Amino acid sequence: MFKDINLSDYIIQFELQKAYFLRDCLYEEITYELKDTNIIIYKKSDNGITEEMTLDELIFYIHTEVADEIIEYVKGPHTNGYGHQIRPPKSSETVFMDLFKDIDNIKRAVENMKIILKYDMEDEAEIKNNTNEDDQTLAF
């Protein structure tokens, strides 16, 4: 969780950016798929098997297991250059906590994931398919 997250990659005030942030923070454990107009959520279990989960199960997971990891981060030693205890610095963990402490925010981010999965995946497919169709060299 929270690996390779750079907060400057997100404009967190935008709703879609919140959905990207949710996806990216949990990408090792949670994945999403768009089937027709429904979002399917998957969780990787400890044995490596991926299983479908409900939105309620995702909410419970975030508010228990993810919350436990955030608590460990917040409780950890945070000192300034002089060795004095300070509040935890702004991090992906603290931003995640602020954004998704409310269940409605999780629901909204998952709902917005539909937009990301529909259009972001179309963009990726378009890039892959945008090849030189006549197999001739392009000169610039």
N, C-alpha and C. Protein backbone atom coordinates (compact mmCIF):
# COMPACT_ATOMS: atom_id res chain seq x y z
N MET A 1 0.83 -1.19 0.00
CA MET A 1 0.00 0.00 0.00
C MET A 1 0.87 1.25 0.00
N PHE A 2 0.41 2.25 -0.67
CA PHE A 2 1.02 3.58 -0.68
C PHE A 2 2.43 3.59 -1.27
N LYS A 3 2.78 2.59 -2.07
CA LYS A 3 4.12 2.54 -2.66
C LYS A 3 4.17 3.40 -3.92
N ASP A 4 5.27 4.10 -4.07
CA ASP A 4 5.55 4.90 -5.26
C ASP A 4 4.50 5.97 -5.52
N ILE A 5 3.89 6.49 -4.47
CA ILE A 5 2.89 7.55 -4.62
C ILE A 5 3.60 8.89 -4.46
N ASN A 6 3.48 9.71 -5.47
CA ASN A 6 4.03 11.06 -5.45
C ASN A 6 2.84 12.02 -5.45
N LEU A 7 2.61 12.70 -4.34
CA LEU A 7 1.44 13.56 -4.21
C LEU A 7 1.38 14.64 -5.27
N SER A 8 2.53 15.04 -5.79
CA SER A 8 2.53 16.10 -6.81
C SER A 8 2.00 15.59 -8.16
N ASP A 9 1.76 14.28 -8.28
CA ASP A 9 1.17 13.73 -9.50
C ASP A 9 -0.35 13.93 -9.55
N TYR A 10 -0.94 14.41 -8.47
CA TYR A 10 -2.39 14.52 -8.37
C TYR A 10 -2.80 15.95 -8.05
N ILE A 11 -3.89 16.37 -8.67
CA ILE A 11 -4.58 17.60 -8.25
C ILE A 11 -5.80 17.09 -7.50
N ILE A 12 -5.63 16.88 -6.22
CA ILE A 12 -6.56 16.10 -5.42
C ILE A 12 -7.92 16.78 -5.26
N GLN A 13 -8.03 18.04 -5.63
CA GLN A 13 -9.31 18.74 -5.55
C GLN A 13 -10.28 18.27 -6.64
N PHE A 14 -9.77 17.63 -7.69
CA PHE A 14 -10.61 17.12 -8.77
C PHE A 14 -11.11 15.72 -8.42
N GLU A 15 -12.39 15.48 -8.67
CA GLU A 15 -13.00 14.19 -8.32
C GLU A 15 -12.32 13.01 -9.01
N LEU A 16 -12.02 13.13 -10.29
CA LEU A 16 -11.36 12.01 -10.97
C LEU A 16 -9.96 11.76 -10.42
N GLN A 17 -9.29 12.82 -10.00
CA GLN A 17 -7.96 12.65 -9.41
C GLN A 17 -8.04 11.88 -8.10
N LYS A 18 -9.14 12.07 -7.35
CA LYS A 18 -9.34 11.30 -6.12
C LYS A 18 -9.49 9.81 -6.45
N ALA A 19 -10.21 9.52 -7.53
CA ALA A 19 -10.38 8.13 -7.94
C ALA A 19 -9.04 7.52 -8.38
N TYR A 20 -8.25 8.29 -9.14
CA TYR A 20 -6.90 7.82 -9.50
C TYR A 20 -6.07 7.57 -8.24
N PHE A 21 -6.15 8.48 -7.28
CA PHE A 21 -5.38 8.36 -6.04
C PHE A 21 -5.78 7.09 -5.28
N LEU A 22 -7.08 6.84 -5.17
CA LEU A 22 -7.56 5.62 -4.51
C LEU A 22 -7.01 4.39 -5.22
N ARG A 23 -7.13 4.37 -6.54
CA ARG A 23 -6.64 3.23 -7.32
C ARG A 23 -5.14 3.03 -7.12
N ASP A 24 -4.38 4.11 -7.21
CA ASP A 24 -2.93 4.00 -7.15
C ASP A 24 -2.42 3.62 -5.77
N CYS A 25 -3.06 4.14 -4.72
CA CYS A 25 -2.61 3.82 -3.36
C CYS A 25 -2.80 2.34 -3.03
N LEU A 26 -3.84 1.73 -3.56
CA LEU A 26 -4.16 0.35 -3.20
C LEU A 26 -3.88 -0.65 -4.31
N TYR A 27 -3.15 -0.24 -5.35
CA TYR A 27 -3.02 -1.07 -6.55
C TYR A 27 -2.43 -2.46 -6.28
N GLU A 28 -1.67 -2.62 -5.23
CA GLU A 28 -1.08 -3.94 -4.95
C GLU A 28 -2.12 -4.94 -4.45
N GLU A 29 -3.17 -4.43 -3.83
CA GLU A 29 -4.19 -5.31 -3.25
C GLU A 29 -5.52 -5.27 -3.98
N ILE A 30 -5.88 -4.11 -4.53
CA ILE A 30 -7.21 -3.90 -5.09
C ILE A 30 -7.09 -3.51 -6.57
N THR A 31 -7.91 -4.15 -7.40
CA THR A 31 -7.98 -3.77 -8.82
C THR A 31 -9.45 -3.60 -9.20
N TYR A 32 -9.66 -2.94 -10.32
CA TYR A 32 -11.01 -2.62 -10.78
C TYR A 32 -11.13 -2.99 -12.25
N GLU A 33 -12.34 -3.38 -12.63
CA GLU A 33 -12.62 -3.72 -14.01
C GLU A 33 -14.00 -3.19 -14.36
N LEU A 34 -14.15 -2.70 -15.57
CA LEU A 34 -15.44 -2.22 -16.05
C LEU A 34 -16.06 -3.29 -16.92
N LYS A 35 -17.23 -3.79 -16.50
CA LYS A 35 -17.98 -4.76 -17.30
C LYS A 35 -19.32 -4.11 -17.61
N ASP A 36 -19.53 -3.84 -18.89
CA ASP A 36 -20.69 -3.08 -19.34
C ASP A 36 -20.65 -1.73 -18.64
N THR A 37 -21.62 -1.47 -17.77
CA THR A 37 -21.61 -0.20 -17.03
C THR A 37 -21.36 -0.42 -15.55
N ASN A 38 -20.95 -1.62 -15.19
CA ASN A 38 -20.72 -1.94 -13.78
C ASN A 38 -19.23 -2.03 -13.48
N ILE A 39 -18.88 -1.56 -12.30
CA ILE A 39 -17.49 -1.67 -11.86
C ILE A 39 -17.36 -2.93 -11.01
N ILE A 40 -16.39 -3.73 -11.33
CA ILE A 40 -16.11 -4.95 -10.57
C ILE A 40 -14.82 -4.70 -9.80
N ILE A 41 -14.86 -5.00 -8.51
CA ILE A 41 -13.71 -4.77 -7.63
C ILE A 41 -13.12 -6.13 -7.27
N TYR A 42 -11.79 -6.21 -7.32
CA TYR A 42 -11.09 -7.45 -6.98
C TYR A 42 -10.07 -7.17 -5.89
N LYS A 43 -9.92 -8.14 -5.00
CA LYS A 43 -8.91 -8.05 -3.94
C LYS A 43 -8.00 -9.26 -4.06
N LYS A 44 -6.70 -8.99 -4.01
CA LYS A 44 -5.72 -10.08 -4.03
C LYS A 44 -5.60 -10.61 -2.60
N SER A 45 -5.84 -11.90 -2.44
CA SER A 45 -5.75 -12.49 -1.11
C SER A 45 -4.30 -12.82 -0.78
N ASP A 46 -4.07 -13.23 0.45
CA ASP A 46 -2.71 -13.51 0.92
C ASP A 46 -2.03 -14.61 0.10
N ASN A 47 -2.82 -15.54 -0.44
CA ASN A 47 -2.23 -16.64 -1.22
C ASN A 47 -2.05 -16.27 -2.69
N GLY A 48 -2.32 -15.00 -3.04
CA GLY A 48 -2.10 -14.53 -4.40
C GLY A 48 -3.28 -14.67 -5.32
N ILE A 49 -4.35 -15.29 -4.85
CA ILE A 49 -5.55 -15.46 -5.67
C ILE A 49 -6.38 -14.18 -5.60
N THR A 50 -6.86 -13.75 -6.76
CA THR A 50 -7.68 -12.55 -6.83
C THR A 50 -9.15 -12.95 -6.76
N GLU A 51 -9.88 -12.30 -5.85
CA GLU A 51 -11.29 -12.61 -5.67
C GLU A 51 -12.12 -11.35 -5.78
N GLU A 52 -13.32 -11.50 -6.33
CA GLU A 52 -14.23 -10.37 -6.44
C GLU A 52 -14.70 -9.96 -5.05
N MET A 53 -14.88 -8.65 -4.87
CA MET A 53 -15.39 -8.15 -3.60
C MET A 53 -16.46 -7.10 -3.88
N THR A 54 -17.32 -6.87 -2.92
CA THR A 54 -18.38 -5.87 -3.06
C THR A 54 -17.86 -4.50 -2.63
N LEU A 55 -18.63 -3.48 -2.95
CA LEU A 55 -18.28 -2.13 -2.52
C LEU A 55 -18.27 -2.06 -0.99
N ASP A 56 -19.24 -2.69 -0.35
CA ASP A 56 -19.26 -2.70 1.12
C ASP A 56 -18.01 -3.36 1.69
N GLU A 57 -17.55 -4.43 1.06
CA GLU A 57 -16.32 -5.09 1.52
C GLU A 57 -15.11 -4.19 1.32
N LEU A 58 -15.08 -3.43 0.22
CA LEU A 58 -13.99 -2.48 0.00
C LEU A 58 -14.00 -1.40 1.07
N ILE A 59 -15.18 -0.88 1.38
CA ILE A 59 -15.30 0.14 2.42
C ILE A 59 -14.80 -0.42 3.75
N PHE A 60 -15.22 -1.63 4.09
CA PHE A 60 -14.78 -2.25 5.33
C PHE A 60 -13.26 -2.44 5.32
N TYR A 61 -12.71 -2.89 4.21
CA TYR A 61 -11.26 -3.07 4.08
C TYR A 61 -10.52 -1.75 4.31
N ILE A 62 -11.00 -0.69 3.68
CA ILE A 62 -10.34 0.62 3.84
C ILE A 62 -10.43 1.10 5.27
N HIS A 63 -11.60 0.93 5.89
CA HIS A 63 -11.80 1.46 7.24
C HIS A 63 -11.26 0.55 8.34
N THR A 64 -10.72 -0.60 7.98
CA THR A 64 -10.09 -1.47 8.99
C THR A 64 -8.62 -1.70 8.64
N GLU A 65 -8.35 -2.49 7.60
CA GLU A 65 -6.96 -2.85 7.29
C GLU A 65 -6.12 -1.66 6.83
N VAL A 66 -6.67 -0.85 5.93
CA VAL A 66 -5.92 0.33 5.48
C VAL A 66 -5.77 1.31 6.63
N ALA A 67 -6.83 1.47 7.42
CA ALA A 67 -6.77 2.37 8.58
C ALA A 67 -5.68 1.93 9.56
N ASP A 68 -5.53 0.61 9.76
CA ASP A 68 -4.47 0.11 10.65
C ASP A 68 -3.09 0.51 10.15
N GLU A 69 -2.87 0.41 8.84
CA GLU A 69 -1.58 0.79 8.29
C GLU A 69 -1.34 2.30 8.44
N ILE A 70 -2.39 3.08 8.25
CA ILE A 70 -2.26 4.53 8.42
C ILE A 70 -1.95 4.87 9.87
N ILE A 71 -2.61 4.19 10.80
CA ILE A 71 -2.36 4.42 12.23
C ILE A 71 -0.89 4.13 12.55
N GLU A 72 -0.36 3.04 12.02
CA GLU A 72 1.05 2.71 12.25
C GLU A 72 1.96 3.81 11.72
N TYR A 73 1.63 4.36 10.56
CA TYR A 73 2.43 5.45 9.99
C TYR A 73 2.35 6.68 10.89
N VAL A 74 1.14 7.05 11.28
CA VAL A 74 0.95 8.26 12.09
C VAL A 74 1.62 8.11 13.45
N LYS A 75 1.56 6.92 14.04
CA LYS A 75 2.17 6.68 15.35
C LYS A 75 3.69 6.65 15.29
N GLY A 76 4.22 6.36 14.11
CA GLY A 76 5.67 6.22 13.96
C GLY A 76 6.41 7.46 14.39
N PRO A 77 7.69 7.33 14.61
CA PRO A 77 8.48 8.49 15.05
C PRO A 77 8.62 9.51 13.92
N HIS A 78 8.22 10.72 14.21
CA HIS A 78 8.36 11.83 13.26
C HIS A 78 9.07 12.95 14.01
N THR A 79 10.28 13.23 13.61
CA THR A 79 11.06 14.26 14.29
C THR A 79 11.56 15.28 13.28
N ASN A 80 11.84 16.47 13.81
CA ASN A 80 12.44 17.50 12.94
C ASN A 80 13.96 17.33 12.98
N GLY A 81 14.67 18.23 12.36
CA GLY A 81 16.13 18.15 12.29
C GLY A 81 16.81 18.21 13.64
N TYR A 82 16.09 18.65 14.67
CA TYR A 82 16.66 18.76 16.01
C TYR A 82 16.27 17.59 16.91
N GLY A 83 15.55 16.62 16.35
CA GLY A 83 15.16 15.46 17.14
C GLY A 83 13.88 15.65 17.93
N HIS A 84 13.19 16.76 17.74
CA HIS A 84 11.93 17.01 18.44
C HIS A 84 10.77 16.33 17.71
N GLN A 85 9.86 15.77 18.49
CA GLN A 85 8.68 15.14 17.90
C GLN A 85 7.83 16.19 17.20
N ILE A 86 7.36 15.85 16.02
CA ILE A 86 6.48 16.75 15.26
C ILE A 86 5.31 15.93 14.73
N ARG A 87 4.29 16.63 14.26
CA ARG A 87 3.17 15.94 13.62
C ARG A 87 3.66 15.25 12.36
N PRO A 88 3.02 14.15 11.98
CA PRO A 88 3.45 13.47 10.75
C PRO A 88 3.35 14.42 9.56
N PRO A 89 4.34 14.40 8.69
CA PRO A 89 4.29 15.27 7.52
C PRO A 89 3.19 14.81 6.56
N LYS A 90 2.79 15.71 5.68
CA LYS A 90 1.80 15.36 4.67
C LYS A 90 2.38 14.23 3.83
N SER A 91 1.62 13.17 3.72
CA SER A 91 2.08 11.99 2.99
C SER A 91 0.89 11.35 2.30
N SER A 92 1.15 10.35 1.50
CA SER A 92 0.04 9.65 0.84
C SER A 92 -0.90 9.04 1.88
N GLU A 93 -0.35 8.57 3.00
CA GLU A 93 -1.18 7.99 4.05
C GLU A 93 -2.12 9.02 4.67
N THR A 94 -1.59 10.19 5.01
CA THR A 94 -2.44 11.19 5.66
C THR A 94 -3.44 11.79 4.68
N VAL A 95 -3.05 11.97 3.43
CA VAL A 95 -4.00 12.47 2.42
C VAL A 95 -5.09 11.44 2.19
N PHE A 96 -4.72 10.17 2.11
CA PHE A 96 -5.70 9.10 1.93
C PHE A 96 -6.71 9.12 3.08
N MET A 97 -6.21 9.25 4.30
CA MET A 97 -7.08 9.29 5.47
C MET A 97 -8.05 10.46 5.38
N ASP A 98 -7.55 11.63 5.02
CA ASP A 98 -8.42 12.81 4.91
C ASP A 98 -9.48 12.63 3.83
N LEU A 99 -9.09 12.03 2.71
CA LEU A 99 -10.03 11.88 1.59
C LEU A 99 -11.07 10.80 1.81
N PHE A 100 -10.68 9.68 2.40
CA PHE A 100 -11.55 8.51 2.42
C PHE A 100 -12.00 8.09 3.81
N LYS A 101 -11.94 9.01 4.75
CA LYS A 101 -12.48 8.71 6.08
C LYS A 101 -14.01 8.66 6.04
N ASP A 102 -14.60 9.32 5.04
CA ASP A 102 -16.05 9.32 4.87
C ASP A 102 -16.45 8.28 3.82
N ILE A 103 -17.41 7.46 4.16
CA ILE A 103 -17.85 6.38 3.27
C ILE A 103 -18.35 6.93 1.94
N ASP A 104 -19.07 8.04 1.97
CA ASP A 104 -19.58 8.61 0.72
C ASP A 104 -18.46 8.98 -0.24
N ASN A 105 -17.32 9.40 0.29
CA ASN A 105 -16.18 9.73 -0.58
C ASN A 105 -15.60 8.49 -1.26
N ILE A 106 -15.62 7.37 -0.56
CA ILE A 106 -15.17 6.11 -1.17
C ILE A 106 -16.13 5.71 -2.28
N LYS A 107 -17.43 5.78 -1.97
CA LYS A 107 -18.44 5.42 -2.98
C LYS A 107 -18.31 6.30 -4.22
N ARG A 108 -18.12 7.58 -4.01
CA ARG A 108 -18.00 8.51 -5.14
C ARG A 108 -16.74 8.20 -5.96
N ALA A 109 -15.63 7.93 -5.29
CA ALA A 109 -14.39 7.62 -6.01
C ALA A 109 -14.52 6.34 -6.82
N VAL A 110 -15.17 5.33 -6.27
CA VAL A 110 -15.37 4.07 -7.00
C VAL A 110 -16.31 4.30 -8.18
N GLU A 111 -17.34 5.08 -7.99
CA GLU A 111 -18.25 5.41 -9.09
C GLU A 111 -17.50 6.14 -10.20
N ASN A 112 -16.63 7.06 -9.82
CA ASN A 112 -15.84 7.81 -10.81
C ASN A 112 -14.80 6.93 -11.49
N MET A 113 -14.48 5.81 -10.88
CA MET A 113 -13.54 4.87 -11.48
C MET A 113 -14.07 4.38 -12.82
N LYS A 114 -15.40 4.36 -12.98
CA LYS A 114 -16.00 3.95 -14.26
C LYS A 114 -15.50 4.85 -15.38
N ILE A 115 -15.44 6.14 -15.13
CA ILE A 115 -14.99 7.09 -16.14
C ILE A 115 -13.53 6.82 -16.49
N ILE A 116 -12.72 6.62 -15.47
CA ILE A 116 -11.30 6.34 -15.69
C ILE A 116 -11.13 5.06 -16.51
N LEU A 117 -11.82 4.01 -16.10
CA LEU A 117 -11.66 2.73 -16.79
C LEU A 117 -12.18 2.79 -18.22
N LYS A 118 -13.22 3.57 -18.45
CA LYS A 118 -13.77 3.67 -19.80
C LYS A 118 -12.86 4.49 -20.71
N TYR A 119 -12.49 5.69 -20.28
CA TYR A 119 -11.78 6.60 -21.17
C TYR A 119 -10.27 6.46 -21.11
N ASP A 120 -9.73 6.16 -19.96
CA ASP A 120 -8.28 5.99 -19.86
C ASP A 120 -7.85 4.75 -20.63
N MET A 121 -8.64 3.70 -20.54
CA MET A 121 -8.32 2.47 -21.26
C MET A 121 -8.50 2.67 -22.77
N GLU A 122 -9.49 3.46 -23.17
CA GLU A 122 -9.67 3.76 -24.60
C GLU A 122 -8.46 4.52 -25.12
N ASP A 123 -7.95 5.47 -24.34
CA ASP A 123 -6.77 6.23 -24.75
C ASP A 123 -5.57 5.31 -24.93
N GLU A 124 -5.37 4.38 -23.99
CA GLU A 124 -4.26 3.44 -24.09
C GLU A 124 -4.40 2.54 -25.31
N ALA A 125 -5.62 2.07 -25.57
CA ALA A 125 -5.86 1.22 -26.74
C ALA A 125 -5.63 2.00 -28.03
N GLU A 126 -6.04 3.26 -28.04
CA GLU A 126 -5.85 4.10 -29.22
C GLU A 126 -4.37 4.31 -29.50
N ILE A 127 -3.59 4.53 -28.46
CA ILE A 127 -2.15 4.72 -28.63
C ILE A 127 -1.52 3.44 -29.19
N LYS A 128 -1.93 2.29 -28.65
CA LYS A 128 -1.38 1.02 -29.13
C LYS A 128 -1.78 0.76 -30.58
N ASN A 129 -2.99 1.16 -30.96
CA ASN A 129 -3.47 0.90 -32.31
C ASN A 129 -3.05 1.97 -33.31
N ASN A 130 -2.48 3.04 -32.86
CA ASN A 130 -2.09 4.14 -33.73
C ASN A 130 -0.70 3.85 -34.31
N THR A 131 -0.68 2.89 -35.19
CA THR A 131 0.59 2.48 -35.80
C THR A 131 0.59 2.84 -37.27
N ASN A 132 1.71 2.67 -37.89
CA ASN A 132 1.86 2.93 -39.31
C ASN A 132 1.19 1.79 -40.08
N GLU A 133 -0.06 2.02 -40.51
CA GLU A 133 -0.86 0.95 -41.09
C GLU A 133 -0.35 0.46 -42.44
N ASP A 134 0.33 1.31 -43.22
CA ASP A 134 0.80 0.85 -44.52
C ASP A 134 2.23 0.31 -44.47
N ASP A 135 2.76 0.18 -43.26
CA ASP A 135 4.09 -0.38 -43.03
C ASP A 135 5.20 0.36 -43.77
N GLN A 136 4.98 1.60 -44.08
CA GLN A 136 6.03 2.41 -44.70
C GLN A 136 6.67 3.28 -43.63
N THR A 137 7.90 3.61 -43.86
CA THR A 137 8.63 4.45 -42.92
C THR A 137 8.10 5.87 -43.00
N LEU A 138 7.89 6.45 -41.86
CA LEU A 138 7.44 7.84 -41.81
C LEU A 138 8.66 8.74 -41.77
N ALA A 139 8.66 9.76 -42.58
CA ALA A 139 9.77 10.72 -42.60
C ALA A 139 9.32 12.01 -41.96
N PHE A 140 10.18 12.57 -41.14
CA PHE A 140 9.86 13.84 -40.48
C PHE A 140 10.87 14.88 -40.85
